């Protein structure tokens, strides 16, 4: 993935390790990547979530935002226990939106 996600991973590590409270076993975030069409950098949804179930709301929000921005449509459905989303733009760009745990982010 991109350097933006690597920077986010560093930020998460810093925030979670400096917290006075014991952090949850993992934090979740929502990430969108172009999987077809003109390339754009990955987009990270707003906020961190305590569970994959809580992050489902973020998937819906990011799919709706991408569909609106690009004049297209989107959908969300369950896949292997997590919600995933897809936003299809009029220009042929296809976004994949998924929930990733902090431990699933790439390391640099």
Protein backbone atom coordinates (compact mmCIF):
# COMPACT_ATOMS: atom_id res chain seq x y z
CA UNK A 1 0.00 0.00 0.00
CA UNK A 2 1.00 3.63 -0.01
CA UNK A 3 3.18 5.72 2.24
CA UNK A 4 -0.02 7.36 3.55
CA UNK A 5 -1.02 4.06 5.16
CA UNK A 6 2.49 3.58 6.52
CA UNK A 7 2.29 7.03 8.12
CA UNK A 8 -1.10 6.12 9.59
CA UNK A 9 0.38 2.93 11.02
CA UNK A 10 3.14 4.95 12.71
CA UNK A 11 0.57 7.38 14.10
CA UNK A 12 -1.53 4.53 15.47
CA UNK A 13 1.50 2.92 17.10
CA UNK A 14 2.46 6.22 18.75
CA UNK A 15 -1.06 7.04 19.92
CA UNK A 16 -1.80 3.58 21.27
CA UNK A 17 1.53 3.16 23.03
CA UNK A 18 1.38 6.61 24.66
CA UNK A 19 -2.16 6.13 25.97
CA UNK A 20 -2.51 6.02 29.75
CA UNK A 21 -5.33 3.49 29.35
CA UNK A 22 -4.66 -0.03 28.23
CA UNK A 23 -5.53 -0.14 24.52
CA UNK A 24 -7.93 -2.62 23.04
CA UNK A 25 -6.28 -5.66 21.45
CA UNK A 26 -6.65 -3.98 18.10
CA UNK A 27 -7.99 -0.83 16.53
CA UNK A 28 -9.86 -0.88 13.22
CA UNK A 29 -10.00 1.59 10.38
CA UNK A 30 -11.67 1.80 7.00
CA UNK A 31 -9.56 2.01 3.84
CA UNK A 32 -10.61 2.54 0.21
CA UNK A 33 -8.39 1.67 -2.74
CA UNK A 34 -8.89 2.02 -6.48
CA UNK A 35 -8.95 -1.47 -7.96
CA UNK A 36 -9.90 -0.51 -11.52
CA UNK A 37 -9.64 2.63 -13.59
CA UNK A 38 -7.61 5.82 -13.21
CA UNK A 39 -5.39 5.51 -10.14
CA UNK A 40 -5.79 7.68 -7.04
CA UNK A 41 -4.08 7.31 -3.66
CA UNK A 42 -5.89 5.19 -1.05
CA UNK A 43 -8.43 6.96 1.14
CA UNK A 44 -8.71 6.36 4.85
CA UNK A 45 -12.08 6.78 6.52
CA UNK A 46 -12.55 9.06 9.47
CA UNK A 47 -11.87 7.70 12.90
CA UNK A 48 -10.69 4.54 14.57
CA UNK A 49 -13.07 1.85 15.70
CA UNK A 50 -12.94 -0.57 18.62
CA UNK A 51 -14.24 -3.52 16.60
CA UNK A 52 -14.94 -4.62 13.05
CA UNK A 53 -18.66 -4.39 13.83
CA UNK A 54 -18.30 -0.72 14.81
CA UNK A 55 -16.26 -0.05 11.67
CA UNK A 56 -19.18 -1.17 9.48
CA UNK A 57 -20.62 2.32 9.90
CA UNK A 58 -17.38 3.77 8.51
CA UNK A 59 -17.58 1.47 5.47
CA UNK A 60 -21.06 2.74 4.66
CA UNK A 61 -19.99 6.37 5.13
CA UNK A 62 -16.91 6.07 2.92
CA UNK A 63 -18.77 4.19 0.17
CA UNK A 64 -21.48 6.87 0.16
CA UNK A 65 -18.91 9.69 0.13
CA UNK A 66 -16.96 8.17 -2.77
CA UNK A 67 -20.11 7.49 -4.79
CA UNK A 68 -21.32 11.05 -4.26
CA UNK A 69 -17.93 12.65 -5.05
CA UNK A 70 -17.49 10.64 -8.24
CA UNK A 71 -21.09 10.78 -9.44
CA UNK A 72 -21.62 7.05 -9.21
CA UNK A 73 -23.16 4.49 -6.92
CA UNK A 74 -22.07 2.05 -4.28
CA UNK A 75 -23.02 -0.97 -2.25
CA UNK A 76 -22.01 -2.73 0.97
CA UNK A 77 -22.20 -6.44 1.73
CA UNK A 78 -20.78 -8.97 4.18
CA UNK A 79 -17.71 -11.00 3.19
CA UNK A 80 -15.88 -13.45 5.46
CA UNK A 81 -17.30 -11.92 8.63
CA UNK A 82 -16.64 -8.26 7.74
CA UNK A 83 -18.51 -5.69 5.72
CA UNK A 84 -16.90 -4.62 2.47
CA UNK A 85 -17.98 -1.94 0.07
CA UNK A 86 -17.66 -0.97 -3.53
CA UNK A 87 -18.09 2.43 -5.13
CA UNK A 88 -18.41 2.66 -8.90
CA UNK A 89 -17.77 6.04 -10.54
CA UNK A 90 -19.21 7.22 -13.84
CA UNK A 91 -15.67 7.57 -15.21
CA UNK A 92 -15.02 3.85 -14.77
CA UNK A 93 -13.10 4.00 -11.49
CA UNK A 94 -13.91 1.18 -9.06
CA UNK A 95 -13.15 1.57 -5.35
CA UNK A 96 -12.86 -1.29 -2.89
CA UNK A 97 -13.64 -0.32 0.71
CA UNK A 98 -12.63 -2.61 3.54
CA UNK A 99 -12.07 -2.79 7.28
CA UNK A 100 -8.50 -3.35 8.40
CA UNK A 101 -7.22 -4.04 11.88
CA UNK A 102 -4.14 -2.14 13.00
CA UNK A 103 -2.22 -5.42 12.94
CA UNK A 104 -3.22 -5.95 9.30
CA UNK A 105 -1.68 -2.71 8.05
CA UNK A 106 1.57 -3.04 6.11
CA UNK A 107 4.80 -2.30 7.91
CA UNK A 108 7.68 -0.33 6.45
